[in-house]
Amino acid sequence: MENLILSPISLANLELLIQRSVIAAIAQTQPAATPAELPQTFTISELATYLKCTKATIHAYKKRGIFPYYQTGRTVYFKKSEIDRALEVSGAKRKGSINA
């Protein structure tokens, strides 16, 4: 039998140790996704740059339900494929503005 040595560990270090162990275990069981499989996402600032408009405009379209979005904590994300689809439906790419 192995000798076991116990030492005190802070709660933060214990959480970090568990988190790293879980991530490592998941990584071993799932194949790594290739960049082509990962959806391209934008933050509000990145989407405003992509569409050449203001962040206030993005917030307005998000609030009106024109752009589908995902939220993690306070960070909002948009999938490029869903934004492009919303723009095609509204005819914005053709006309240069969003009709809603």
N, C-alpha and C. Protein backbone atom coordinates (compact mmCIF):
# COMPACT_ATOMS: atom_id res chain seq x y z
N MET A 1 0.84 -1.17 0.00
CA MET A 1 0.00 0.00 0.00
C MET A 1 0.89 1.24 0.00
N GLU A 2 0.42 2.27 -0.71
CA GLU A 2 1.14 3.51 -0.83
C GLU A 2 1.00 4.36 0.42
N ASN A 3 2.05 5.13 0.72
CA ASN A 3 1.93 6.10 1.81
C ASN A 3 1.15 7.30 1.30
N LEU A 4 0.20 7.73 2.07
CA LEU A 4 -0.64 8.86 1.69
C LEU A 4 -0.30 10.04 2.59
N ILE A 5 0.04 11.16 1.97
CA ILE A 5 0.38 12.36 2.72
C ILE A 5 -0.69 13.40 2.44
N LEU A 6 -1.32 13.88 3.48
CA LEU A 6 -2.35 14.90 3.34
C LEU A 6 -1.79 16.25 3.76
N SER A 7 -2.16 17.26 3.00
CA SER A 7 -1.75 18.61 3.36
C SER A 7 -2.94 19.53 3.16
N PRO A 8 -2.99 20.63 3.89
CA PRO A 8 -4.12 21.53 3.75
C PRO A 8 -4.12 22.19 2.37
N ILE A 9 -5.32 22.40 1.84
CA ILE A 9 -5.46 23.04 0.54
C ILE A 9 -6.61 24.05 0.65
N SER A 10 -6.44 25.19 0.02
CA SER A 10 -7.50 26.20 0.08
C SER A 10 -8.66 25.77 -0.80
N LEU A 11 -9.81 26.34 -0.53
CA LEU A 11 -11.00 26.03 -1.30
C LEU A 11 -10.81 26.40 -2.77
N ALA A 12 -10.19 27.54 -3.02
CA ALA A 12 -9.95 27.99 -4.40
C ALA A 12 -9.04 27.00 -5.14
N ASN A 13 -7.99 26.52 -4.48
CA ASN A 13 -7.09 25.55 -5.11
C ASN A 13 -7.79 24.22 -5.34
N LEU A 14 -8.65 23.82 -4.42
CA LEU A 14 -9.40 22.58 -4.57
C LEU A 14 -10.34 22.68 -5.76
N GLU A 15 -11.04 23.82 -5.88
CA GLU A 15 -11.94 24.02 -7.01
C GLU A 15 -11.18 23.99 -8.33
N LEU A 16 -10.03 24.63 -8.36
CA LEU A 16 -9.21 24.65 -9.57
C LEU A 16 -8.73 23.24 -9.94
N LEU A 17 -8.33 22.47 -8.95
CA LEU A 17 -7.88 21.10 -9.16
C LEU A 17 -9.01 20.25 -9.73
N ILE A 18 -10.20 20.39 -9.16
CA ILE A 18 -11.36 19.62 -9.64
C ILE A 18 -11.71 20.04 -11.06
N GLN A 19 -11.73 21.36 -11.32
CA GLN A 19 -12.06 21.86 -12.64
C GLN A 19 -11.09 21.32 -13.70
N ARG A 20 -9.81 21.36 -13.41
CA ARG A 20 -8.81 20.85 -14.37
C ARG A 20 -8.98 19.35 -14.59
N SER A 21 -9.30 18.62 -13.53
CA SER A 21 -9.49 17.18 -13.65
C SER A 21 -10.70 16.85 -14.51
N VAL A 22 -11.78 17.58 -14.32
CA VAL A 22 -12.99 17.35 -15.12
C VAL A 22 -12.73 17.70 -16.58
N ILE A 23 -12.08 18.81 -16.85
CA ILE A 23 -11.77 19.20 -18.22
C ILE A 23 -10.89 18.16 -18.89
N ALA A 24 -9.90 17.66 -18.18
CA ALA A 24 -9.02 16.63 -18.74
C ALA A 24 -9.79 15.34 -19.03
N ALA A 25 -10.69 14.97 -18.14
CA ALA A 25 -11.48 13.76 -18.34
C ALA A 25 -12.40 13.89 -19.54
N ILE A 26 -13.02 15.05 -19.69
CA ILE A 26 -13.91 15.27 -20.84
C ILE A 26 -13.11 15.28 -22.13
N ALA A 27 -11.94 15.91 -22.13
CA ALA A 27 -11.11 15.98 -23.32
C ALA A 27 -10.68 14.60 -23.78
N GLN A 28 -10.49 13.68 -22.85
CA GLN A 28 -10.07 12.32 -23.21
C GLN A 28 -11.21 11.52 -23.81
N THR A 29 -12.46 11.84 -23.45
CA THR A 29 -13.59 11.05 -23.93
C THR A 29 -14.20 11.59 -25.21
N GLN A 30 -13.95 12.87 -25.53
CA GLN A 30 -14.54 13.47 -26.73
C GLN A 30 -13.45 13.83 -27.72
N PRO A 31 -13.69 13.56 -29.00
CA PRO A 31 -12.70 13.96 -30.00
C PRO A 31 -12.67 15.49 -30.11
N ALA A 32 -11.52 16.00 -30.39
CA ALA A 32 -11.36 17.46 -30.52
C ALA A 32 -12.09 17.93 -31.77
N ALA A 33 -12.77 19.05 -31.67
CA ALA A 33 -13.48 19.61 -32.82
C ALA A 33 -12.47 20.35 -33.70
N THR A 34 -12.67 20.22 -34.99
CA THR A 34 -11.81 20.94 -35.92
C THR A 34 -12.37 22.36 -36.06
N PRO A 35 -11.55 23.32 -36.43
CA PRO A 35 -12.04 24.69 -36.58
C PRO A 35 -13.23 24.81 -37.52
N ALA A 36 -13.31 23.97 -38.54
CA ALA A 36 -14.42 24.03 -39.48
C ALA A 36 -15.73 23.62 -38.81
N GLU A 37 -15.66 22.81 -37.75
CA GLU A 37 -16.86 22.34 -37.06
C GLU A 37 -17.38 23.35 -36.04
N LEU A 38 -16.52 24.27 -35.61
CA LEU A 38 -16.92 25.23 -34.60
C LEU A 38 -17.63 26.41 -35.26
N PRO A 39 -18.79 26.80 -34.72
CA PRO A 39 -19.48 27.95 -35.32
C PRO A 39 -18.74 29.24 -35.01
N GLN A 40 -18.68 30.13 -35.98
CA GLN A 40 -18.05 31.42 -35.74
C GLN A 40 -19.03 32.27 -34.95
N THR A 41 -18.53 32.90 -33.89
CA THR A 41 -19.39 33.73 -33.06
C THR A 41 -18.83 35.14 -32.97
N PHE A 42 -19.73 36.07 -32.66
CA PHE A 42 -19.37 37.47 -32.50
C PHE A 42 -19.84 37.96 -31.14
N THR A 43 -19.10 38.85 -30.55
CA THR A 43 -19.60 39.63 -29.42
C THR A 43 -20.34 40.82 -30.02
N ILE A 44 -20.95 41.64 -29.19
CA ILE A 44 -21.67 42.80 -29.70
C ILE A 44 -20.73 43.73 -30.47
N SER A 45 -19.54 43.98 -29.93
CA SER A 45 -18.58 44.86 -30.61
C SER A 45 -18.14 44.27 -31.95
N GLU A 46 -17.85 42.98 -31.96
CA GLU A 46 -17.41 42.33 -33.20
C GLU A 46 -18.52 42.33 -34.25
N LEU A 47 -19.76 42.11 -33.81
CA LEU A 47 -20.88 42.11 -34.75
C LEU A 47 -21.11 43.51 -35.31
N ALA A 48 -20.96 44.53 -34.48
CA ALA A 48 -21.11 45.90 -34.96
C ALA A 48 -20.07 46.21 -36.02
N THR A 49 -18.85 45.75 -35.81
CA THR A 49 -17.79 45.95 -36.80
C THR A 49 -18.12 45.17 -38.08
N TYR A 50 -18.56 43.93 -37.93
CA TYR A 50 -18.89 43.08 -39.08
C TYR A 50 -20.00 43.71 -39.93
N LEU A 51 -21.00 44.29 -39.26
CA LEU A 51 -22.14 44.86 -39.98
C LEU A 51 -21.96 46.35 -40.28
N LYS A 52 -20.86 46.93 -39.79
CA LYS A 52 -20.58 48.35 -39.99
C LYS A 52 -21.73 49.22 -39.47
N CYS A 53 -22.06 48.97 -38.20
CA CYS A 53 -23.09 49.77 -37.54
C CYS A 53 -22.66 49.99 -36.09
N THR A 54 -23.49 50.64 -35.31
CA THR A 54 -23.13 50.92 -33.92
C THR A 54 -23.55 49.78 -33.00
N LYS A 55 -22.95 49.76 -31.81
CA LYS A 55 -23.34 48.76 -30.81
C LYS A 55 -24.78 48.99 -30.37
N ALA A 56 -25.22 50.24 -30.34
CA ALA A 56 -26.61 50.54 -29.98
C ALA A 56 -27.59 49.91 -30.97
N THR A 57 -27.21 49.89 -32.24
CA THR A 57 -28.05 49.25 -33.26
C THR A 57 -28.14 47.76 -33.00
N ILE A 58 -27.03 47.14 -32.67
CA ILE A 58 -27.02 45.70 -32.38
C ILE A 58 -27.92 45.41 -31.17
N HIS A 59 -27.80 46.23 -30.12
CA HIS A 59 -28.65 46.05 -28.94
C HIS A 59 -30.13 46.18 -29.30
N ALA A 60 -30.45 47.13 -30.17
CA ALA A 60 -31.84 47.33 -30.58
C ALA A 60 -32.37 46.12 -31.35
N TYR A 61 -31.57 45.59 -32.27
CA TYR A 61 -31.99 44.42 -33.05
C TYR A 61 -32.12 43.19 -32.17
N LYS A 62 -31.24 43.09 -31.19
CA LYS A 62 -31.31 41.96 -30.24
C LYS A 62 -32.60 42.06 -29.43
N LYS A 63 -32.89 43.25 -28.94
CA LYS A 63 -34.08 43.47 -28.11
C LYS A 63 -35.36 43.22 -28.91
N ARG A 64 -35.37 43.61 -30.19
CA ARG A 64 -36.54 43.43 -31.04
C ARG A 64 -36.68 42.00 -31.56
N GLY A 65 -35.68 41.15 -31.29
CA GLY A 65 -35.75 39.76 -31.71
C GLY A 65 -35.32 39.51 -33.14
N ILE A 66 -34.70 40.49 -33.75
CA ILE A 66 -34.23 40.33 -35.13
C ILE A 66 -33.03 39.40 -35.18
N PHE A 67 -32.12 39.56 -34.20
CA PHE A 67 -30.93 38.73 -34.14
C PHE A 67 -31.04 37.74 -32.99
N PRO A 68 -30.96 36.44 -33.27
CA PRO A 68 -30.91 35.46 -32.17
C PRO A 68 -29.56 35.58 -31.46
N TYR A 69 -29.55 35.37 -30.15
CA TYR A 69 -28.31 35.53 -29.39
C TYR A 69 -28.24 34.52 -28.27
N TYR A 70 -27.06 34.38 -27.71
CA TYR A 70 -26.77 33.49 -26.59
C TYR A 70 -26.06 34.33 -25.54
N GLN A 71 -26.30 33.98 -24.29
CA GLN A 71 -25.70 34.78 -23.23
C GLN A 71 -25.06 33.88 -22.19
N THR A 72 -23.83 34.21 -21.84
CA THR A 72 -23.10 33.54 -20.77
C THR A 72 -22.74 34.60 -19.77
N GLY A 73 -23.41 34.60 -18.64
CA GLY A 73 -23.21 35.67 -17.67
C GLY A 73 -23.69 36.97 -18.29
N ARG A 74 -22.80 37.95 -18.35
CA ARG A 74 -23.16 39.23 -18.95
C ARG A 74 -22.69 39.35 -20.40
N THR A 75 -22.01 38.34 -20.90
CA THR A 75 -21.48 38.37 -22.26
C THR A 75 -22.50 37.81 -23.24
N VAL A 76 -22.78 38.55 -24.30
CA VAL A 76 -23.73 38.15 -25.32
C VAL A 76 -22.97 37.71 -26.56
N TYR A 77 -23.40 36.60 -27.14
CA TYR A 77 -22.77 36.06 -28.35
C TYR A 77 -23.81 35.90 -29.45
N PHE A 78 -23.36 36.04 -30.69
CA PHE A 78 -24.20 35.83 -31.86
C PHE A 78 -23.48 34.85 -32.77
N LYS A 79 -24.21 33.89 -33.35
CA LYS A 79 -23.61 32.98 -34.33
C LYS A 79 -23.68 33.64 -35.70
N LYS A 80 -22.55 33.62 -36.40
CA LYS A 80 -22.47 34.26 -37.71
C LYS A 80 -23.50 33.67 -38.67
N SER A 81 -23.66 32.35 -38.66
CA SER A 81 -24.61 31.72 -39.58
C SER A 81 -26.04 32.20 -39.32
N GLU A 82 -26.40 32.39 -38.05
CA GLU A 82 -27.75 32.85 -37.72
C GLU A 82 -27.94 34.33 -38.07
N ILE A 83 -26.89 35.13 -37.91
CA ILE A 83 -26.97 36.54 -38.28
C ILE A 83 -27.12 36.66 -39.79
N ASP A 84 -26.31 35.92 -40.54
CA ASP A 84 -26.40 35.96 -42.00
C ASP A 84 -27.79 35.53 -42.47
N ARG A 85 -28.34 34.50 -41.83
CA ARG A 85 -29.68 34.03 -42.19
C ARG A 85 -30.73 35.10 -41.89
N ALA A 86 -30.61 35.77 -40.74
CA ALA A 86 -31.56 36.83 -40.38
C ALA A 86 -31.48 37.99 -41.36
N LEU A 87 -30.27 38.30 -41.81
CA LEU A 87 -30.09 39.38 -42.78
C LEU A 87 -30.68 39.00 -44.14
N GLU A 88 -30.53 37.75 -44.53
CA GLU A 88 -31.09 37.30 -45.80
C GLU A 88 -32.61 37.35 -45.77
N VAL A 89 -33.19 36.92 -44.67
CA VAL A 89 -34.65 36.93 -44.53
C VAL A 89 -35.18 38.36 -44.60
N SER A 90 -34.48 39.30 -43.97
CA SER A 90 -34.93 40.69 -43.96
C SER A 90 -34.58 41.42 -45.25
N GLY A 91 -33.72 40.83 -46.07
CA GLY A 91 -33.30 41.48 -47.30
C GLY A 91 -32.24 42.54 -47.08
N ALA A 92 -31.66 42.58 -45.88
CA ALA A 92 -30.70 43.63 -45.53
C ALA A 92 -29.43 43.57 -46.36
N LYS A 93 -28.96 42.37 -46.68
CA LYS A 93 -27.71 42.28 -47.45
C LYS A 93 -27.92 42.87 -48.84
N ARG A 94 -29.11 42.72 -49.37
CA ARG A 94 -29.39 43.21 -50.70
C ARG A 94 -29.62 44.72 -50.69
N LYS A 95 -30.34 45.21 -49.69
CA LYS A 95 -30.73 46.61 -49.65
C LYS A 95 -29.80 47.50 -48.83
N GLY A 96 -28.97 46.88 -47.97
CA GLY A 96 -28.05 47.67 -47.17
C GLY A 96 -28.62 48.13 -45.83
N SER A 97 -29.82 47.69 -45.48
CA SER A 97 -30.39 48.04 -44.17
C SER A 97 -31.28 46.90 -43.72
N ILE A 98 -31.61 46.93 -42.44
CA ILE A 98 -32.46 45.87 -41.88
C ILE A 98 -33.88 46.38 -41.80
N ASN A 99 -34.79 45.64 -42.42
CA ASN A 99 -36.20 46.00 -42.40
C ASN A 99 -36.92 45.16 -41.36
N ALA A 100 -37.44 45.78 -40.37
CA ALA A 100 -38.15 45.02 -39.34
C ALA A 100 -39.34 45.78 -38.85
